[in-house]
Amino acid sequence: MANETSTNSAVTLNGTPITLFGTFPTVGQTAPEFTLVDKDLKDVALTDFAGKRKVLNIVPSLDTAVCATSTRKFNEAASKLDNTVVLVISADLPFAMSRFCVAEGLDNVTTLSLMRGRDFMRNYGVKIADSVLRGLTARAVLVLDENNHVLHAELVDDITHEPDYPKALRTLTQH
């Protein structure tokens, strides 16, 4: 699309470089507002989580092993975190995301679909522009404080890799 700009990310898919559109948020920046769709097909905005710390676990699809693993790990960690919500954001439909969480017994994460919020991908610099995953998101983790300031930002180097869980979670205990 002509009005989109490409980031010069070093993100790969199985070692092959991919192009991302948008600009990934950096530490210290205020996270862009968004509205996505929850499991009940309701629009949910970032502002709905005001006053809480947020972990944004951005994944291509919960129907992949690495995305499922990251959701399980953040679900487990979330049960031990005060005043913190884990938002799992993917292109999956809300029905599929909910079915996954029910089947896995995951009740400490909030799933949000890009179904009606596709601008999120560009606004957060995670929109894959090429490769077989074109139109999905790169894998990323952002930790936001109660006022949506970015405390931790990881755009995972290869989409097939897991994020650095300890580093993201350590950020929450340090702030």
N, C-alpha and C. Protein backbone atom coordinates (compact mmCIF):
# COMPACT_ATOMS: atom_id res chain seq x y z
N MET A 1 0.85 -1.17 0.00
CA MET A 1 0.00 0.00 0.00
C MET A 1 0.89 1.23 0.00
N ALA A 2 0.55 2.17 -0.80
CA ALA A 2 1.40 3.32 -1.02
C ALA A 2 1.62 4.19 0.21
N ASN A 3 0.63 4.30 1.10
CA ASN A 3 0.78 5.19 2.24
C ASN A 3 1.46 4.54 3.44
N GLU A 4 1.86 3.32 3.32
CA GLU A 4 2.54 2.64 4.42
C GLU A 4 4.04 2.75 4.22
N THR A 5 4.72 2.82 5.34
CA THR A 5 6.18 2.86 5.28
C THR A 5 6.72 1.62 5.94
N SER A 6 7.85 1.20 5.47
CA SER A 6 8.46 -0.01 5.98
C SER A 6 9.49 0.34 7.05
N THR A 7 9.49 -0.46 8.11
CA THR A 7 10.54 -0.30 9.10
C THR A 7 11.76 -1.07 8.60
N ASN A 8 12.89 -0.71 9.09
CA ASN A 8 14.10 -1.44 8.73
C ASN A 8 14.41 -2.43 9.84
N SER A 9 13.49 -3.32 10.07
CA SER A 9 13.66 -4.29 11.15
C SER A 9 14.56 -5.43 10.70
N ALA A 10 15.10 -6.08 11.68
CA ALA A 10 15.94 -7.24 11.40
C ALA A 10 15.17 -8.52 11.73
N VAL A 11 13.86 -8.49 11.52
CA VAL A 11 13.03 -9.64 11.82
C VAL A 11 13.09 -10.62 10.65
N THR A 12 13.15 -11.90 11.01
CA THR A 12 13.19 -12.95 10.00
C THR A 12 12.10 -13.98 10.25
N LEU A 13 11.86 -14.81 9.27
CA LEU A 13 10.99 -15.97 9.38
C LEU A 13 11.84 -17.16 8.96
N ASN A 14 12.19 -17.99 9.93
CA ASN A 14 13.10 -19.11 9.69
C ASN A 14 14.40 -18.64 9.03
N GLY A 15 14.89 -17.48 9.48
CA GLY A 15 16.15 -16.96 8.98
C GLY A 15 16.07 -16.10 7.74
N THR A 16 14.92 -16.06 7.08
CA THR A 16 14.74 -15.25 5.88
C THR A 16 14.17 -13.89 6.27
N PRO A 17 14.84 -12.80 5.90
CA PRO A 17 14.35 -11.47 6.27
C PRO A 17 12.94 -11.21 5.76
N ILE A 18 12.16 -10.51 6.59
CA ILE A 18 10.82 -10.09 6.20
C ILE A 18 10.70 -8.59 6.37
N THR A 19 9.74 -8.00 5.70
CA THR A 19 9.49 -6.57 5.78
C THR A 19 8.29 -6.33 6.68
N LEU A 20 8.44 -5.36 7.58
CA LEU A 20 7.34 -4.96 8.45
C LEU A 20 6.94 -3.53 8.10
N PHE A 21 5.65 -3.23 8.21
CA PHE A 21 5.16 -1.87 8.02
C PHE A 21 4.90 -1.24 9.37
N GLY A 22 5.17 0.04 9.47
CA GLY A 22 4.90 0.79 10.68
C GLY A 22 6.17 0.98 11.50
N THR A 23 6.00 1.54 12.69
CA THR A 23 7.12 1.79 13.59
C THR A 23 6.83 1.16 14.93
N PHE A 24 7.70 0.28 15.35
CA PHE A 24 7.53 -0.42 16.63
C PHE A 24 7.80 0.56 17.77
N PRO A 25 6.92 0.58 18.79
CA PRO A 25 7.12 1.49 19.93
C PRO A 25 8.44 1.20 20.65
N THR A 26 9.00 2.25 21.24
CA THR A 26 10.26 2.12 21.97
C THR A 26 10.05 2.46 23.44
N VAL A 27 10.98 2.02 24.27
CA VAL A 27 10.92 2.28 25.70
C VAL A 27 10.87 3.79 25.93
N GLY A 28 9.96 4.19 26.80
CA GLY A 28 9.78 5.60 27.13
C GLY A 28 8.66 6.27 26.35
N GLN A 29 8.32 5.72 25.22
CA GLN A 29 7.25 6.25 24.37
C GLN A 29 5.89 5.89 24.99
N THR A 30 4.86 6.66 24.67
CA THR A 30 3.50 6.29 25.05
C THR A 30 2.95 5.39 23.95
N ALA A 31 2.38 4.26 24.35
CA ALA A 31 1.85 3.31 23.37
C ALA A 31 0.66 3.92 22.63
N PRO A 32 0.56 3.66 21.33
CA PRO A 32 -0.59 4.18 20.57
C PRO A 32 -1.90 3.56 21.06
N GLU A 33 -2.95 4.35 21.00
CA GLU A 33 -4.28 3.85 21.34
C GLU A 33 -4.69 2.78 20.33
N PHE A 34 -5.57 1.88 20.75
CA PHE A 34 -6.13 0.89 19.83
C PHE A 34 -7.48 0.45 20.32
N THR A 35 -8.25 -0.11 19.40
CA THR A 35 -9.51 -0.77 19.72
C THR A 35 -9.50 -2.09 18.97
N LEU A 36 -9.64 -3.19 19.73
CA LEU A 36 -9.66 -4.54 19.17
C LEU A 36 -10.93 -5.24 19.64
N VAL A 37 -11.08 -6.52 19.32
CA VAL A 37 -12.32 -7.24 19.60
C VAL A 37 -12.05 -8.37 20.60
N ASP A 38 -12.87 -8.42 21.66
CA ASP A 38 -12.68 -9.46 22.67
C ASP A 38 -13.49 -10.72 22.34
N LYS A 39 -13.43 -11.69 23.22
CA LYS A 39 -14.08 -13.00 22.97
C LYS A 39 -15.59 -12.90 22.84
N ASP A 40 -16.19 -11.82 23.36
CA ASP A 40 -17.63 -11.63 23.27
C ASP A 40 -18.02 -10.72 22.10
N LEU A 41 -17.07 -10.47 21.19
CA LEU A 41 -17.25 -9.62 20.02
C LEU A 41 -17.48 -8.16 20.37
N LYS A 42 -17.05 -7.76 21.56
CA LYS A 42 -17.15 -6.37 21.98
C LYS A 42 -15.85 -5.64 21.64
N ASP A 43 -15.99 -4.37 21.26
CA ASP A 43 -14.82 -3.54 21.03
C ASP A 43 -14.19 -3.21 22.37
N VAL A 44 -12.88 -3.40 22.46
CA VAL A 44 -12.14 -3.14 23.68
C VAL A 44 -10.97 -2.23 23.31
N ALA A 45 -10.83 -1.14 24.05
CA ALA A 45 -9.77 -0.17 23.79
C ALA A 45 -8.66 -0.28 24.83
N LEU A 46 -7.50 0.21 24.48
CA LEU A 46 -6.40 0.26 25.44
C LEU A 46 -6.83 1.03 26.68
N THR A 47 -7.63 2.06 26.50
CA THR A 47 -8.09 2.87 27.64
C THR A 47 -8.95 2.08 28.62
N ASP A 48 -9.52 0.96 28.17
CA ASP A 48 -10.32 0.11 29.07
C ASP A 48 -9.46 -0.52 30.17
N PHE A 49 -8.15 -0.49 30.00
CA PHE A 49 -7.25 -1.08 30.99
C PHE A 49 -6.48 0.01 31.75
N ALA A 50 -7.03 1.22 31.75
CA ALA A 50 -6.38 2.35 32.44
C ALA A 50 -6.13 2.00 33.90
N GLY A 51 -4.97 2.42 34.40
CA GLY A 51 -4.63 2.18 35.79
C GLY A 51 -4.00 0.82 36.05
N LYS A 52 -3.94 -0.02 35.03
CA LYS A 52 -3.31 -1.34 35.16
C LYS A 52 -2.04 -1.37 34.33
N ARG A 53 -1.10 -2.19 34.77
CA ARG A 53 0.07 -2.47 33.93
C ARG A 53 -0.38 -3.49 32.90
N LYS A 54 0.23 -3.43 31.72
CA LYS A 54 -0.20 -4.29 30.63
C LYS A 54 0.99 -4.99 29.99
N VAL A 55 0.79 -6.28 29.71
CA VAL A 55 1.73 -7.02 28.88
C VAL A 55 1.00 -7.29 27.58
N LEU A 56 1.52 -6.77 26.48
CA LEU A 56 0.94 -7.04 25.17
C LEU A 56 1.76 -8.16 24.53
N ASN A 57 1.15 -9.34 24.45
CA ASN A 57 1.77 -10.50 23.82
C ASN A 57 1.20 -10.56 22.41
N ILE A 58 1.94 -10.02 21.44
CA ILE A 58 1.47 -9.91 20.06
C ILE A 58 1.99 -11.11 19.29
N VAL A 59 1.07 -11.88 18.70
CA VAL A 59 1.43 -13.13 18.03
C VAL A 59 0.72 -13.23 16.68
N PRO A 60 1.31 -13.98 15.73
CA PRO A 60 0.63 -14.16 14.44
C PRO A 60 -0.69 -14.92 14.57
N SER A 61 -0.67 -16.06 15.30
CA SER A 61 -1.87 -16.89 15.45
C SER A 61 -1.69 -17.85 16.61
N LEU A 62 -2.72 -18.01 17.42
CA LEU A 62 -2.66 -18.97 18.53
C LEU A 62 -2.62 -20.41 18.02
N ASP A 63 -2.85 -20.58 16.75
CA ASP A 63 -2.86 -21.92 16.16
C ASP A 63 -1.46 -22.35 15.70
N THR A 64 -0.44 -21.79 16.35
CA THR A 64 0.94 -22.22 16.10
C THR A 64 1.58 -22.56 17.44
N ALA A 65 2.55 -23.43 17.43
CA ALA A 65 3.15 -23.91 18.67
C ALA A 65 3.79 -22.80 19.50
N VAL A 66 4.56 -21.92 18.86
CA VAL A 66 5.25 -20.87 19.62
C VAL A 66 4.25 -19.87 20.19
N CYS A 67 3.24 -19.50 19.45
CA CYS A 67 2.22 -18.56 19.94
C CYS A 67 1.46 -19.18 21.12
N ALA A 68 1.12 -20.44 21.00
CA ALA A 68 0.43 -21.13 22.08
C ALA A 68 1.31 -21.19 23.33
N THR A 69 2.59 -21.48 23.15
CA THR A 69 3.51 -21.56 24.28
C THR A 69 3.63 -20.21 24.97
N SER A 70 3.78 -19.13 24.21
CA SER A 70 3.93 -17.82 24.83
C SER A 70 2.66 -17.44 25.60
N THR A 71 1.51 -17.80 25.07
CA THR A 71 0.25 -17.51 25.76
C THR A 71 0.16 -18.29 27.06
N ARG A 72 0.55 -19.56 27.03
CA ARG A 72 0.56 -20.37 28.26
C ARG A 72 1.51 -19.79 29.30
N LYS A 73 2.72 -19.41 28.87
CA LYS A 73 3.71 -18.89 29.82
C LYS A 73 3.27 -17.57 30.42
N PHE A 74 2.71 -16.68 29.61
CA PHE A 74 2.25 -15.40 30.16
C PHE A 74 1.00 -15.60 31.02
N ASN A 75 0.16 -16.57 30.70
CA ASN A 75 -1.00 -16.88 31.53
C ASN A 75 -0.53 -17.31 32.93
N GLU A 76 0.47 -18.18 32.98
CA GLU A 76 1.00 -18.63 34.26
C GLU A 76 1.60 -17.47 35.05
N ALA A 77 2.37 -16.64 34.39
CA ALA A 77 3.00 -15.50 35.06
C ALA A 77 1.96 -14.49 35.55
N ALA A 78 0.90 -14.30 34.77
CA ALA A 78 -0.11 -13.30 35.12
C ALA A 78 -0.81 -13.62 36.43
N SER A 79 -0.91 -14.89 36.75
CA SER A 79 -1.59 -15.26 38.00
C SER A 79 -0.83 -14.77 39.22
N LYS A 80 0.43 -14.42 39.04
CA LYS A 80 1.28 -13.98 40.16
C LYS A 80 1.54 -12.47 40.13
N LEU A 81 0.96 -11.76 39.19
CA LEU A 81 1.24 -10.33 39.03
C LEU A 81 0.08 -9.48 39.54
N ASP A 82 0.42 -8.51 40.37
CA ASP A 82 -0.60 -7.59 40.87
C ASP A 82 -0.85 -6.47 39.87
N ASN A 83 -2.09 -6.04 39.78
CA ASN A 83 -2.48 -4.90 38.97
C ASN A 83 -1.94 -4.97 37.54
N THR A 84 -1.93 -6.18 36.98
CA THR A 84 -1.37 -6.39 35.64
C THR A 84 -2.33 -7.25 34.83
N VAL A 85 -2.52 -6.87 33.58
CA VAL A 85 -3.33 -7.66 32.65
C VAL A 85 -2.45 -8.08 31.48
N VAL A 86 -2.63 -9.32 31.03
CA VAL A 86 -1.91 -9.81 29.85
C VAL A 86 -2.90 -9.83 28.69
N LEU A 87 -2.56 -9.08 27.65
CA LEU A 87 -3.40 -9.00 26.45
C LEU A 87 -2.72 -9.78 25.34
N VAL A 88 -3.38 -10.83 24.88
CA VAL A 88 -2.85 -11.63 23.77
C VAL A 88 -3.55 -11.12 22.51
N ILE A 89 -2.75 -10.60 21.59
CA ILE A 89 -3.28 -9.94 20.40
C ILE A 89 -2.86 -10.73 19.16
N SER A 90 -3.86 -11.15 18.37
CA SER A 90 -3.56 -11.90 17.14
C SER A 90 -4.64 -11.66 16.10
N ALA A 91 -4.38 -12.15 14.90
CA ALA A 91 -5.34 -12.04 13.81
C ALA A 91 -6.42 -13.12 13.88
N ASP A 92 -6.31 -14.04 14.85
CA ASP A 92 -7.32 -15.08 14.99
C ASP A 92 -8.69 -14.45 15.27
N LEU A 93 -9.74 -15.14 14.86
CA LEU A 93 -11.08 -14.70 15.20
C LEU A 93 -11.32 -14.89 16.70
N PRO A 94 -12.14 -14.05 17.31
CA PRO A 94 -12.39 -14.16 18.74
C PRO A 94 -12.87 -15.55 19.16
N PHE A 95 -13.66 -16.21 18.31
CA PHE A 95 -14.18 -17.55 18.64
C PHE A 95 -13.04 -18.54 18.81
N ALA A 96 -12.09 -18.50 17.88
CA ALA A 96 -10.96 -19.43 17.92
C ALA A 96 -10.07 -19.14 19.12
N MET A 97 -9.85 -17.87 19.42
CA MET A 97 -9.02 -17.51 20.57
C MET A 97 -9.66 -17.99 21.86
N SER A 98 -10.95 -17.79 21.98
CA SER A 98 -11.67 -18.22 23.17
C SER A 98 -11.64 -19.74 23.31
N ARG A 99 -11.87 -20.44 22.20
CA ARG A 99 -11.85 -21.90 22.21
C ARG A 99 -10.48 -22.41 22.66
N PHE A 100 -9.41 -21.78 22.19
CA PHE A 100 -8.06 -22.17 22.58
C PHE A 100 -7.88 -22.00 24.09
N CYS A 101 -8.27 -20.84 24.62
CA CYS A 101 -8.08 -20.58 26.05
C CYS A 101 -8.91 -21.52 26.91
N VAL A 102 -10.12 -21.82 26.50
CA VAL A 102 -10.95 -22.76 27.26
C VAL A 102 -10.32 -24.15 27.24
N ALA A 103 -9.90 -24.60 26.07
CA ALA A 103 -9.30 -25.93 25.95
C ALA A 103 -8.02 -26.05 26.76
N GLU A 104 -7.27 -24.95 26.87
CA GLU A 104 -5.99 -24.96 27.60
C GLU A 104 -6.15 -24.58 29.07
N GLY A 105 -7.36 -24.18 29.47
CA GLY A 105 -7.59 -23.76 30.85
C GLY A 105 -6.89 -22.45 31.19
N LEU A 106 -6.80 -21.56 30.23
CA LEU A 106 -6.11 -20.28 30.42
C LEU A 106 -7.13 -19.20 30.78
N ASP A 107 -7.06 -18.73 32.01
CA ASP A 107 -8.03 -17.73 32.43
C ASP A 107 -7.38 -16.46 32.98
N ASN A 108 -6.07 -16.32 32.80
CA ASN A 108 -5.37 -15.13 33.27
C ASN A 108 -4.90 -14.23 32.13
N VAL A 109 -5.41 -14.47 30.94
CA VAL A 109 -5.08 -13.63 29.80
C VAL A 109 -6.38 -13.12 29.17
N THR A 110 -6.28 -11.98 28.53
CA THR A 110 -7.40 -11.42 27.77
C THR A 110 -7.02 -11.50 26.30
N THR A 111 -7.81 -12.20 25.52
CA THR A 111 -7.52 -12.32 24.10
C THR A 111 -8.21 -11.19 23.34
N LEU A 112 -7.47 -10.62 22.39
CA LEU A 112 -8.00 -9.54 21.57
C LEU A 112 -7.67 -9.83 20.11
N SER A 113 -8.70 -9.76 19.29
CA SER A 113 -8.57 -10.06 17.87
C SER A 113 -8.42 -8.78 17.05
N LEU A 114 -7.66 -8.89 15.98
CA LEU A 114 -7.50 -7.80 15.03
C LEU A 114 -8.66 -7.73 14.04
N MET A 115 -9.71 -8.49 14.28
CA MET A 115 -10.85 -8.59 13.38
C MET A 115 -11.36 -7.23 12.91
N ARG A 116 -11.49 -6.26 13.83
CA ARG A 116 -11.96 -4.91 13.47
C ARG A 116 -10.92 -3.86 13.84
N GLY A 117 -9.70 -4.26 14.03
CA GLY A 117 -8.68 -3.30 14.44
C GLY A 117 -7.37 -3.50 13.70
N ARG A 118 -7.46 -3.72 12.42
CA ARG A 118 -6.26 -4.05 11.64
C ARG A 118 -5.24 -2.91 11.61
N ASP A 119 -5.67 -1.68 11.91
CA ASP A 119 -4.72 -0.57 11.95
C ASP A 119 -3.71 -0.73 13.09
N PHE A 120 -4.04 -1.55 14.08
CA PHE A 120 -3.11 -1.85 15.17
C PHE A 120 -1.76 -2.32 14.62
N MET A 121 -1.80 -3.18 13.62
CA MET A 121 -0.56 -3.77 13.08
C MET A 121 0.39 -2.70 12.57
N ARG A 122 -0.11 -1.75 11.84
CA ARG A 122 0.72 -0.66 11.31
C ARG A 122 1.12 0.29 12.43
N ASN A 123 0.16 0.64 13.30
CA ASN A 123 0.44 1.57 14.39
C ASN A 123 1.49 1.04 15.37
N TYR A 124 1.60 -0.27 15.46
CA TYR A 124 2.56 -0.89 16.37
C TYR A 124 3.78 -1.47 15.63
N GLY A 125 3.86 -1.27 14.32
CA GLY A 125 5.03 -1.67 13.55
C GLY A 125 5.25 -3.16 13.45
N VAL A 126 4.17 -3.94 13.49
CA VAL A 126 4.30 -5.40 13.46
C VAL A 126 3.61 -6.03 12.24
N LYS A 127 3.16 -5.23 11.30
CA LYS A 127 2.45 -5.75 10.13
C LYS A 127 3.43 -6.37 9.14
N ILE A 128 3.29 -7.66 8.90
CA ILE A 128 4.15 -8.36 7.95
C ILE A 128 3.70 -8.01 6.54
N ALA A 129 4.64 -7.50 5.74
CA ALA A 129 4.33 -7.03 4.39
C ALA A 129 4.60 -8.06 3.31
N ASP A 130 5.40 -9.07 3.62
CA ASP A 130 5.74 -10.07 2.61
C ASP A 130 5.84 -11.44 3.28
N SER A 131 6.24 -12.41 2.58
CA SER A 131 6.38 -13.80 3.02
C SER A 131 5.02 -14.48 3.09
N VAL A 132 5.02 -15.74 3.46
CA VAL A 132 3.78 -16.50 3.55
C VAL A 132 2.88 -15.98 4.67
N LEU A 133 3.44 -15.21 5.61
CA LEU A 133 2.66 -14.65 6.72
C LEU A 133 2.19 -13.22 6.46
N ARG A 134 2.28 -12.77 5.22
CA ARG A 134 1.84 -11.43 4.83
C ARG A 134 0.42 -11.18 5.37
N GLY A 135 0.26 -10.03 6.04
CA GLY A 135 -1.05 -9.68 6.58
C GLY A 135 -1.23 -10.05 8.04
N LEU A 136 -0.30 -10.82 8.61
CA LEU A 136 -0.35 -11.16 10.03
C LEU A 136 0.64 -10.27 10.78
N THR A 137 0.79 -10.52 12.07
CA THR A 137 1.73 -9.73 12.86
C THR A 137 3.02 -10.49 13.09
N ALA A 138 4.09 -9.73 13.26
CA ALA A 138 5.33 -10.30 13.76
C ALA A 138 5.12 -10.60 15.25
N ARG A 139 6.00 -11.35 15.84
CA ARG A 139 5.92 -11.68 17.26
C ARG A 139 6.59 -10.55 18.05
N ALA A 140 5.90 -10.06 19.06
CA ALA A 140 6.44 -8.96 19.86
C ALA A 140 5.84 -8.99 21.26
N VAL A 141 6.56 -8.39 22.20
CA VAL A 141 6.06 -8.22 23.56
C VAL A 141 6.34 -6.78 23.98
N LEU A 142 5.31 -6.15 24.50
CA LEU A 142 5.44 -4.81 25.06
C LEU A 142 4.93 -4.85 26.50
N VAL A 143 5.63 -4.18 27.39
CA VAL A 143 5.17 -4.02 28.76
C VAL A 143 4.90 -2.53 28.94
N LEU A 144 3.67 -2.22 29.37
CA LEU A 144 3.25 -0.84 29.56
C LEU A 144 2.95 -0.59 31.03
N ASP A 145 3.24 0.61 31.49
CA ASP A 145 2.87 0.95 32.87
C ASP A 145 1.40 1.36 32.92
N GLU A 146 0.96 1.83 34.08
CA GLU A 146 -0.44 2.19 34.28
C GLU A 146 -0.90 3.32 33.37
N ASN A 147 0.06 4.11 32.86
CA ASN A 147 -0.26 5.24 31.98
C ASN A 147 0.11 4.98 30.52
N ASN A 148 0.34 3.73 30.19
CA ASN A 148 0.65 3.27 28.83
C ASN A 148 2.00 3.71 28.31
N HIS A 149 2.92 4.03 29.22
CA HIS A 149 4.30 4.28 28.81
C HIS A 149 4.99 2.94 28.64
N VAL A 150 5.76 2.82 27.58
CA VAL A 150 6.44 1.56 27.27
C VAL A 150 7.64 1.39 28.21
N LEU A 151 7.61 0.29 28.97
CA LEU A 151 8.70 -0.05 29.89
C LEU A 151 9.64 -1.08 29.28
N HIS A 152 9.10 -1.91 28.39
CA HIS A 152 9.87 -2.98 27.74
C HIS A 152 9.30 -3.16 26.34
N ALA A 153 10.18 -3.30 25.37
CA ALA A 153 9.75 -3.49 23.98
C ALA A 153 10.66 -4.52 23.32
N GLU A 154 10.06 -5.64 22.90
CA GLU A 154 10.82 -6.67 22.21
C GLU A 154 10.11 -7.08 20.93
N LEU A 155 10.73 -6.78 19.82
CA LEU A 155 10.29 -7.28 18.53
C LEU A 155 11.16 -8.51 18.30
N VAL A 156 10.59 -9.69 18.44
CA VAL A 156 11.36 -10.93 18.43
C VAL A 156 12.09 -11.08 17.09
N ASP A 157 13.36 -11.43 17.16
CA ASP A 157 14.24 -11.45 15.98
C ASP A 157 13.78 -12.39 14.88
N ASP A 158 13.25 -13.54 15.24
CA ASP A 158 12.73 -14.49 14.25
C ASP A 158 11.34 -14.91 14.72
N ILE A 159 10.37 -14.86 13.85
CA ILE A 159 8.99 -15.14 14.22
C ILE A 159 8.82 -16.54 14.80
N THR A 160 9.73 -17.45 14.47
CA THR A 160 9.63 -18.81 15.01
C THR A 160 10.23 -18.93 16.41
N HIS A 161 10.83 -17.85 16.92
CA HIS A 161 11.44 -17.87 18.26
C HIS A 161 10.47 -17.37 19.31
N GLU A 162 10.69 -17.81 20.55
CA GLU A 162 9.90 -17.31 21.68
C GLU A 162 10.50 -15.99 22.17
N PRO A 163 9.67 -15.16 22.79
CA PRO A 163 10.20 -13.91 23.35
C PRO A 163 11.03 -14.18 24.60
N ASP A 164 11.69 -13.15 25.09
CA ASP A 164 12.49 -13.23 26.32
C ASP A 164 11.55 -13.00 27.50
N TYR A 165 10.90 -14.07 27.96
CA TYR A 165 9.93 -13.97 29.07
C TYR A 165 10.55 -13.36 30.32
N PRO A 166 11.71 -13.88 30.77
CA PRO A 166 12.28 -13.33 32.02
C PRO A 166 12.51 -11.83 31.95
N LYS A 167 12.99 -11.34 30.83
CA LYS A 167 13.27 -9.90 30.71
C LYS A 167 11.97 -9.10 30.79
N ALA A 168 10.95 -9.54 30.08
CA ALA A 168 9.66 -8.84 30.12
C ALA A 168 9.08 -8.84 31.52
N LEU A 169 9.11 -9.99 32.17
CA LEU A 169 8.52 -10.10 33.51
C LEU A 169 9.36 -9.37 34.56
N ARG A 170 10.65 -9.36 34.38
CA ARG A 170 11.53 -8.62 35.29
C ARG A 170 11.22 -7.13 35.24
N THR A 171 10.86 -6.64 34.08
CA THR A 171 10.50 -5.24 33.93
C THR A 171 9.33 -4.89 34.85
N LEU A 172 8.39 -5.82 34.98
CA LEU A 172 7.22 -5.57 35.82
C LEU A 172 7.60 -5.50 37.30
N THR A 173 8.58 -6.27 37.71
CA THR A 173 8.96 -6.27 39.13
C THR A 173 9.87 -5.10 39.46
N GLN A 174 10.47 -4.48 38.46
CA GLN A 174 11.38 -3.35 38.68
C GLN A 174 10.64 -2.01 38.66
N HIS A 175 9.42 -2.00 38.20
CA HIS A 175 8.68 -0.73 38.10
C HIS A 175 7.42 -0.77 38.95
